[in-house]
């Protein structure tokens, strides 16, 4: 069982660590995204670099990395059960894969552990593990951007709202397989995403954060 958990953790981490934005900008624009705008490799900074199409592809690939990681965790759990190996919960395997995929996105070894902020990959992992809550959270994300034009604020509020939506939906739908580790990972991932946005939060509080669509600033936001 320990070996299975280790394999899932490593595979999900490596999958999440694929630096999508960095690779796409390097291949198609011959630039290092880390030297542009905020220096972040996520979809928002790719968009700020002028690559609208590349930003969209970055978002979807990063999201799909998260989806694939959780599916891998689920398949691994089902395979163990099929071979007569008892496991506590399939959800725990999904949660482990989800957490490691997001950590891989945030801290990729290929870029000296300086990666994205986990928003797209975080959405992807929970789109599989808790789809209704994930859709509700991304609605908060888009509505916040629409109203305020702050991508960072949308990311923070969307991430923070996810475990709340997950809890409310469990209360409404009733029970289900929600082991403690699965619930804990929901809060951990949301907390990691918020923590990754701490520089943005400081700029929001001081009124120095750039709005989406505003003239580019040298220090960027995302």
C-alpha atoms as a PDB file:
ATOM      1  CA  UNK A   1       0.000   0.000   0.000  1.00  0.00           C
ATOM      2  CA  UNK A   2       2.830   2.385   0.869  1.00  0.00           C
ATOM      3  CA  UNK A   3       4.457   1.686  -2.499  1.00  0.00           C
ATOM      4  CA  UNK A   4       1.181   2.382  -4.315  1.00  0.00           C
ATOM      5  CA  UNK A   5       0.789   5.706  -2.506  1.00  0.00           C
ATOM      6  CA  UNK A   6       4.374   6.633  -3.324  1.00  0.00           C
ATOM      7  CA  UNK A   7       3.925   5.820  -7.020  1.00  0.00           C
ATOM      8  CA  UNK A   8       0.714   7.846  -7.212  1.00  0.00           C
ATOM      9  CA  UNK A   9       2.339  10.785  -5.441  1.00  0.00           C
ATOM     10  CA  UNK A  10       5.401  10.804  -7.702  1.00  0.00           C
ATOM     11  CA  UNK A  11       3.427  10.311 -10.923  1.00  0.00           C
ATOM     12  CA  UNK A  12       0.921  13.060 -10.049  1.00  0.00           C
ATOM     13  CA  UNK A  13       3.696  15.437  -9.009  1.00  0.00           C
ATOM     14  CA  UNK A  14       5.646  14.905 -12.228  1.00  0.00           C
ATOM     15  CA  UNK A  15       2.492  15.303 -14.311  1.00  0.00           C
ATOM     16  CA  UNK A  16       1.606  18.527 -12.533  1.00  0.00           C
ATOM     17  CA  UNK A  17       5.184  19.812 -12.864  1.00  0.00           C
ATOM     18  CA  UNK A  18       5.110  19.982 -16.676  1.00  0.00           C
ATOM     19  CA  UNK A  19       5.725  23.742 -17.196  1.00  0.00           C
ATOM     20  CA  UNK A  20       3.090  24.318 -19.855  1.00  0.00           C
ATOM     21  CA  UNK A  21       3.270  28.109 -20.134  1.00  0.00           C
ATOM     22  CA  UNK A  22       7.052  28.129 -20.138  1.00  0.00           C
ATOM     23  CA  UNK A  23       7.258  25.490 -22.880  1.00  0.00           C
ATOM     24  CA  UNK A  24       4.588  27.054 -25.105  1.00  0.00           C
ATOM     25  CA  UNK A  25       6.076  30.541 -24.967  1.00  0.00           C
ATOM     26  CA  UNK A  26       9.571  29.145 -25.497  1.00  0.00           C
ATOM     27  CA  UNK A  27       8.482  27.056 -28.512  1.00  0.00           C
ATOM     28  CA  UNK A  28       6.117  29.458 -30.257  1.00  0.00           C
ATOM     29  CA  UNK A  29       7.424  32.900 -29.274  1.00  0.00           C
ATOM     30  CA  UNK A  30      11.095  32.050 -28.560  1.00  0.00           C
ATOM     31  CA  UNK A  31      10.882  33.890 -25.241  1.00  0.00           C
ATOM     32  CA  UNK A  32      11.334  33.014 -21.591  1.00  0.00           C
ATOM     33  CA  UNK A  33       8.006  33.763 -19.917  1.00  0.00           C
ATOM     34  CA  UNK A  34       9.875  34.170 -16.626  1.00  0.00           C
ATOM     35  CA  UNK A  35      11.435  37.382 -17.994  1.00  0.00           C
ATOM     36  CA  UNK A  36       8.062  38.863 -18.941  1.00  0.00           C
ATOM     37  CA  UNK A  37       5.542  40.653 -16.732  1.00  0.00           C
ATOM     38  CA  UNK A  38       5.286  38.999 -13.325  1.00  0.00           C
ATOM     39  CA  UNK A  39       7.649  36.199 -14.339  1.00  0.00           C
ATOM     40  CA  UNK A  40       4.982  33.617 -13.560  1.00  0.00           C
ATOM     41  CA  UNK A  41       4.529  30.693 -15.970  1.00  0.00           C
ATOM     42  CA  UNK A  42       0.729  30.554 -15.639  1.00  0.00           C
ATOM     43  CA  UNK A  43      -1.959  31.403 -18.182  1.00  0.00           C
ATOM     44  CA  UNK A  44      -2.507  34.970 -16.952  1.00  0.00           C
ATOM     45  CA  UNK A  45       1.096  36.008 -17.473  1.00  0.00           C
ATOM     46  CA  UNK A  46       1.150  34.241 -20.834  1.00  0.00           C
ATOM     47  CA  UNK A  47      -1.870  36.378 -21.747  1.00  0.00           C
ATOM     48  CA  UNK A  48      -0.155  39.523 -20.516  1.00  0.00           C
ATOM     49  CA  UNK A  49       2.784  38.684 -22.777  1.00  0.00           C
ATOM     50  CA  UNK A  50       0.439  39.079 -25.747  1.00  0.00           C
ATOM     51  CA  UNK A  51      -0.175  35.399 -26.445  1.00  0.00           C
ATOM     52  CA  UNK A  52      -3.953  35.099 -26.212  1.00  0.00           C
ATOM     53  CA  UNK A  53      -4.102  31.739 -27.947  1.00  0.00           C
ATOM     54  CA  UNK A  54      -1.149  30.424 -25.966  1.00  0.00           C
ATOM     55  CA  UNK A  55      -2.772  31.619 -22.731  1.00  0.00           C
ATOM     56  CA  UNK A  56      -5.940  29.679 -23.505  1.00  0.00           C
ATOM     57  CA  UNK A  57      -3.964  26.554 -24.359  1.00  0.00           C
ATOM     58  CA  UNK A  58      -1.902  26.980 -21.182  1.00  0.00           C
ATOM     59  CA  UNK A  59      -5.047  27.168 -19.073  1.00  0.00           C
ATOM     60  CA  UNK A  60      -6.593  24.060 -20.614  1.00  0.00           C
ATOM     61  CA  UNK A  61      -3.445  21.949 -20.535  1.00  0.00           C
ATOM     62  CA  UNK A  62      -2.753  22.903 -16.915  1.00  0.00           C
ATOM     63  CA  UNK A  63      -6.370  22.069 -16.094  1.00  0.00           C
ATOM     64  CA  UNK A  64      -6.139  18.747 -17.924  1.00  0.00           C
ATOM     65  CA  UNK A  65      -2.977  17.865 -15.985  1.00  0.00           C
ATOM     66  CA  UNK A  66      -5.026  18.124 -12.812  1.00  0.00           C
ATOM     67  CA  UNK A  67      -7.888  16.094 -14.259  1.00  0.00           C
ATOM     68  CA  UNK A  68      -5.524  13.386 -15.478  1.00  0.00           C
ATOM     69  CA  UNK A  69      -3.753  13.159 -12.121  1.00  0.00           C
ATOM     70  CA  UNK A  70      -6.992  12.535 -10.208  1.00  0.00           C
ATOM     71  CA  UNK A  71      -8.170  10.007 -12.796  1.00  0.00           C
ATOM     72  CA  UNK A  72      -4.834   8.249 -12.407  1.00  0.00           C
ATOM     73  CA  UNK A  73      -5.319   8.102  -8.634  1.00  0.00           C
ATOM     74  CA  UNK A  74      -8.821   6.699  -9.120  1.00  0.00           C
ATOM     75  CA  UNK A  75      -7.676   4.081 -11.638  1.00  0.00           C
ATOM     76  CA  UNK A  76      -4.839   3.013  -9.329  1.00  0.00           C
ATOM     77  CA  UNK A  77      -7.296   2.556  -6.451  1.00  0.00           C
ATOM     78  CA  UNK A  78      -9.732   0.563  -8.590  1.00  0.00           C
ATOM     79  CA  UNK A  79      -6.869  -1.620  -9.842  1.00  0.00           C
ATOM     80  CA  UNK A  80      -5.811  -2.415  -6.287  1.00  0.00           C
ATOM     81  CA  UNK A  81      -9.373  -3.345  -5.368  1.00  0.00           C
ATOM     82  CA  UNK A  82      -9.632  -5.551  -8.469  1.00  0.00           C
ATOM     83  CA  UNK A  83      -6.535  -7.432  -7.314  1.00  0.00           C
ATOM     84  CA  UNK A  84      -8.036  -8.043  -3.904  1.00  0.00           C
ATOM     85  CA  UNK A  85      -5.993  -5.427  -2.071  1.00  0.00           C
ATOM     86  CA  UNK A  86      -8.162  -3.641   0.494  1.00  0.00           C
ATOM     87  CA  UNK A  87      -7.996   0.151   0.564  1.00  0.00           C
ATOM     88  CA  UNK A  88      -9.663   2.596   2.913  1.00  0.00           C
ATOM     89  CA  UNK A  89     -11.197   4.835   0.242  1.00  0.00           C
ATOM     90  CA  UNK A  90     -10.812   5.608  -3.452  1.00  0.00           C
ATOM     91  CA  UNK A  91     -11.271   9.248  -2.483  1.00  0.00           C
ATOM     92  CA  UNK A  92      -8.019   9.213  -0.527  1.00  0.00           C
ATOM     93  CA  UNK A  93      -6.108   8.135  -3.630  1.00  0.00           C
ATOM     94  CA  UNK A  94      -7.792  10.902  -5.629  1.00  0.00           C
ATOM     95  CA  UNK A  95      -6.933  13.425  -2.932  1.00  0.00           C
ATOM     96  CA  UNK A  96      -3.287  12.362  -2.811  1.00  0.00           C
ATOM     97  CA  UNK A  97      -2.992  12.715  -6.580  1.00  0.00           C
ATOM     98  CA  UNK A  98      -4.770  16.087  -6.467  1.00  0.00           C
ATOM     99  CA  UNK A  99      -2.452  17.504  -3.837  1.00  0.00           C
ATOM    100  CA  UNK A 100       0.722  16.267  -5.543  1.00  0.00           C
ATOM    101  CA  UNK A 101      -0.358  17.538  -8.969  1.00  0.00           C
ATOM    102  CA  UNK A 102      -0.945  21.031  -7.572  1.00  0.00           C
ATOM    103  CA  UNK A 103       2.396  20.930  -5.739  1.00  0.00           C
ATOM    104  CA  UNK A 104       4.056  19.906  -8.990  1.00  0.00           C
ATOM    105  CA  UNK A 105       2.484  22.860 -10.784  1.00  0.00           C
ATOM    106  CA  UNK A 106       3.627  25.267  -8.084  1.00  0.00           C
ATOM    107  CA  UNK A 107       7.095  23.806  -7.534  1.00  0.00           C
ATOM    108  CA  UNK A 108       8.390  22.163 -10.747  1.00  0.00           C
ATOM    109  CA  UNK A 109      11.920  20.769 -10.363  1.00  0.00           C
ATOM    110  CA  UNK A 110      12.684  21.679 -13.986  1.00  0.00           C
ATOM    111  CA  UNK A 111      12.433  25.426 -13.200  1.00  0.00           C
ATOM    112  CA  UNK A 112      14.189  25.427  -9.820  1.00  0.00           C
ATOM    113  CA  UNK A 113      10.821  24.949  -8.117  1.00  0.00           C
ATOM    114  CA  UNK A 114       9.464  28.281  -9.366  1.00  0.00           C
ATOM    115  CA  UNK A 115       6.213  27.422 -11.092  1.00  0.00           C
ATOM    116  CA  UNK A 116       2.636  28.583 -11.365  1.00  0.00           C
ATOM    117  CA  UNK A 117       0.114  29.478  -8.696  1.00  0.00           C
ATOM    118  CA  UNK A 118      -1.952  26.333  -9.019  1.00  0.00           C
ATOM    119  CA  UNK A 119      -5.236  27.906 -10.150  1.00  0.00           C
ATOM    120  CA  UNK A 120      -5.751  26.028 -13.418  1.00  0.00           C
ATOM    121  CA  UNK A 121      -4.398  22.729 -12.095  1.00  0.00           C
ATOM    122  CA  UNK A 122      -6.347  23.160  -8.862  1.00  0.00           C
ATOM    123  CA  UNK A 123      -9.522  23.664 -10.873  1.00  0.00           C
ATOM    124  CA  UNK A 124      -8.705  20.552 -12.886  1.00  0.00           C
ATOM    125  CA  UNK A 125      -8.178  18.264  -9.912  1.00  0.00           C
ATOM    126  CA  UNK A 126     -11.422  19.275  -8.270  1.00  0.00           C
ATOM    127  CA  UNK A 127     -13.360  19.294 -11.510  1.00  0.00           C
ATOM    128  CA  UNK A 128     -12.929  15.525 -11.322  1.00  0.00           C
ATOM    129  CA  UNK A 129     -12.985  15.032  -7.544  1.00  0.00           C
ATOM    130  CA  UNK A 130     -15.767  17.523  -6.692  1.00  0.00           C
ATOM    131  CA  UNK A 131     -17.201  18.844  -9.974  1.00  0.00           C
ATOM    132  CA  UNK A 132     -20.137  20.910  -8.717  1.00  0.00           C
ATOM    133  CA  UNK A 133     -18.043  22.699  -6.105  1.00  0.00           C
ATOM    134  CA  UNK A 134     -15.309  23.329  -8.693  1.00  0.00           C
ATOM    135  CA  UNK A 135     -17.814  24.818 -11.147  1.00  0.00           C
ATOM    136  CA  UNK A 136     -19.270  27.017  -8.418  1.00  0.00           C
ATOM    137  CA  UNK A 137     -15.780  28.222  -7.453  1.00  0.00           C
ATOM    138  CA  UNK A 138     -14.771  29.056 -11.013  1.00  0.00           C
ATOM    139  CA  UNK A 139     -18.030  30.987 -11.357  1.00  0.00           C
ATOM    140  CA  UNK A 140     -16.890  33.103  -8.397  1.00  0.00           C
ATOM    141  CA  UNK A 141     -13.526  33.486 -10.163  1.00  0.00           C
ATOM    142  CA  UNK A 142     -15.031  34.803 -13.394  1.00  0.00           C
ATOM    143  CA  UNK A 143     -17.651  36.989 -11.709  1.00  0.00           C
ATOM    144  CA  UNK A 144     -14.971  38.623  -9.567  1.00  0.00           C
ATOM    145  CA  UNK A 145     -12.844  39.376 -12.621  1.00  0.00           C
ATOM    146  CA  UNK A 146     -15.889  40.686 -14.496  1.00  0.00           C
ATOM    147  CA  UNK A 147     -16.786  43.040 -11.644  1.00  0.00           C
ATOM    148  CA  UNK A 148     -13.334  44.140 -10.452  1.00  0.00           C
ATOM    149  CA  UNK A 149     -10.992  43.246 -13.336  1.00  0.00           C
ATOM    150  CA  UNK A 150      -8.539  41.814 -10.782  1.00  0.00           C
ATOM    151  CA  UNK A 151      -7.469  38.331 -11.880  1.00  0.00           C
ATOM    152  CA  UNK A 152      -5.602  37.779  -8.634  1.00  0.00           C
ATOM    153  CA  UNK A 153      -8.655  38.654  -6.536  1.00  0.00           C
ATOM    154  CA  UNK A 154     -10.740  36.270  -8.631  1.00  0.00           C
ATOM    155  CA  UNK A 155      -8.161  33.540  -8.055  1.00  0.00           C
ATOM    156  CA  UNK A 156      -8.065  34.105  -4.300  1.00  0.00           C
ATOM    157  CA  UNK A 157     -11.836  34.284  -3.853  1.00  0.00           C
ATOM    158  CA  UNK A 158     -12.416  31.344  -6.190  1.00  0.00           C
ATOM    159  CA  UNK A 159      -9.906  29.182  -4.312  1.00  0.00           C
ATOM    160  CA  UNK A 160     -11.186  30.236  -0.893  1.00  0.00           C
ATOM    161  CA  UNK A 161     -14.788  29.567  -1.877  1.00  0.00           C
ATOM    162  CA  UNK A 162     -14.167  26.033  -3.127  1.00  0.00           C
ATOM    163  CA  UNK A 163     -14.053  24.183   0.235  1.00  0.00           C
ATOM    164  CA  UNK A 164     -17.089  26.195   1.347  1.00  0.00           C
ATOM    165  CA  UNK A 165     -19.055  25.102  -1.714  1.00  0.00           C
ATOM    166  CA  UNK A 166     -17.829  21.525  -1.246  1.00  0.00           C
ATOM    167  CA  UNK A 167     -19.073  21.534   2.365  1.00  0.00           C
ATOM    168  CA  UNK A 168     -22.423  23.090   1.450  1.00  0.00           C
ATOM    169  CA  UNK A 169     -23.009  20.600  -1.352  1.00  0.00           C
ATOM    170  CA  UNK A 170     -22.245  17.675   0.950  1.00  0.00           C
ATOM    171  CA  UNK A 171     -24.770  19.076   3.422  1.00  0.00           C
ATOM    172  CA  UNK A 172     -27.376  19.474   0.677  1.00  0.00           C
ATOM    173  CA  UNK A 173     -26.730  16.174  -1.094  1.00  0.00           C
ATOM    174  CA  UNK A 174     -26.093  14.263   2.105  1.00  0.00           C
ATOM    175  CA  UNK A 175     -23.056  12.228   3.138  1.00  0.00           C
ATOM    176  CA  UNK A 176     -21.217  10.337   0.453  1.00  0.00           C
ATOM    177  CA  UNK A 177     -17.640   9.122   0.561  1.00  0.00           C
ATOM    178  CA  UNK A 178     -15.828  12.070   2.148  1.00  0.00           C
ATOM    179  CA  UNK A 179     -12.962  10.723   4.287  1.00  0.00           C
ATOM    180  CA  UNK A 180     -11.033  13.204   6.462  1.00  0.00           C
ATOM    181  CA  UNK A 181      -7.956  13.229   4.213  1.00  0.00           C
ATOM    182  CA  UNK A 182     -10.076  14.079   1.154  1.00  0.00           C
ATOM    183  CA  UNK A 183     -11.689  16.985   3.029  1.00  0.00           C
ATOM    184  CA  UNK A 184      -8.320  18.148   4.379  1.00  0.00           C
ATOM    185  CA  UNK A 185      -6.821  18.263   0.880  1.00  0.00           C
ATOM    186  CA  UNK A 186      -9.627  20.543  -0.279  1.00  0.00           C
ATOM    187  CA  UNK A 187      -8.611  23.085   2.361  1.00  0.00           C
ATOM    188  CA  UNK A 188      -4.876  22.515   1.853  1.00  0.00           C
ATOM    189  CA  UNK A 189      -5.024  23.127  -1.906  1.00  0.00           C
ATOM    190  CA  UNK A 190      -7.211  26.212  -1.442  1.00  0.00           C
ATOM    191  CA  UNK A 191      -4.779  27.489   1.197  1.00  0.00           C
ATOM    192  CA  UNK A 192      -1.761  26.878  -1.036  1.00  0.00           C
ATOM    193  CA  UNK A 193      -3.327  28.835  -3.891  1.00  0.00           C
ATOM    194  CA  UNK A 194      -4.188  31.735  -1.597  1.00  0.00           C
ATOM    195  CA  UNK A 195      -0.679  31.666  -0.086  1.00  0.00           C
ATOM    196  CA  UNK A 196       0.871  31.727  -3.565  1.00  0.00           C
ATOM    197  CA  UNK A 197      -1.038  34.950  -4.178  1.00  0.00           C
ATOM    198  CA  UNK A 198       0.327  36.693  -1.060  1.00  0.00           C
ATOM    199  CA  UNK A 199       2.288  39.292  -3.103  1.00  0.00           C
ATOM    200  CA  UNK A 200      -0.893  40.041  -5.058  1.00  0.00           C
ATOM    201  CA  UNK A 201      -2.876  40.364  -1.836  1.00  0.00           C
ATOM    202  CA  UNK A 202      -0.371  42.885  -0.517  1.00  0.00           C
ATOM    203  CA  UNK A 203      -0.657  44.893  -3.743  1.00  0.00           C
ATOM    204  CA  UNK A 204      -4.446  44.723  -3.592  1.00  0.00           C
ATOM    205  CA  UNK A 205      -4.398  46.101  -0.057  1.00  0.00           C
ATOM    206  CA  UNK A 206      -2.100  48.952  -1.067  1.00  0.00           C
ATOM    207  CA  UNK A 207      -3.933  49.703  -4.318  1.00  0.00           C
ATOM    208  CA  UNK A 208      -0.947  48.788  -6.494  1.00  0.00           C
ATOM    209  CA  UNK A 209      -2.344  45.670  -8.161  1.00  0.00           C
ATOM    210  CA  UNK A 210      -2.864  45.867 -11.914  1.00  0.00           C
ATOM    211  CA  UNK A 211      -6.322  45.360 -13.335  1.00  0.00           C
ATOM    212  CA  UNK A 212      -6.957  43.005 -16.232  1.00  0.00           C
ATOM    213  CA  UNK A 213      -6.817  44.965 -19.485  1.00  0.00           C
ATOM    214  CA  UNK A 214      -4.930  47.883 -17.919  1.00  0.00           C
ATOM    215  CA  UNK A 215      -1.559  49.018 -19.326  1.00  0.00           C
ATOM    216  CA  UNK A 216       1.183  46.553 -18.428  1.00  0.00           C
ATOM    217  CA  UNK A 217       3.273  47.168 -15.352  1.00  0.00           C
ATOM    218  CA  UNK A 218       6.833  46.031 -15.042  1.00  0.00           C
ATOM    219  CA  UNK A 219       6.089  44.064 -11.866  1.00  0.00           C
ATOM    220  CA  UNK A 220       2.973  42.298 -13.186  1.00  0.00           C
ATOM    221  CA  UNK A 221       0.363  40.548 -11.068  1.00  0.00           C
ATOM    222  CA  UNK A 222      -0.040  36.932 -11.952  1.00  0.00           C
END
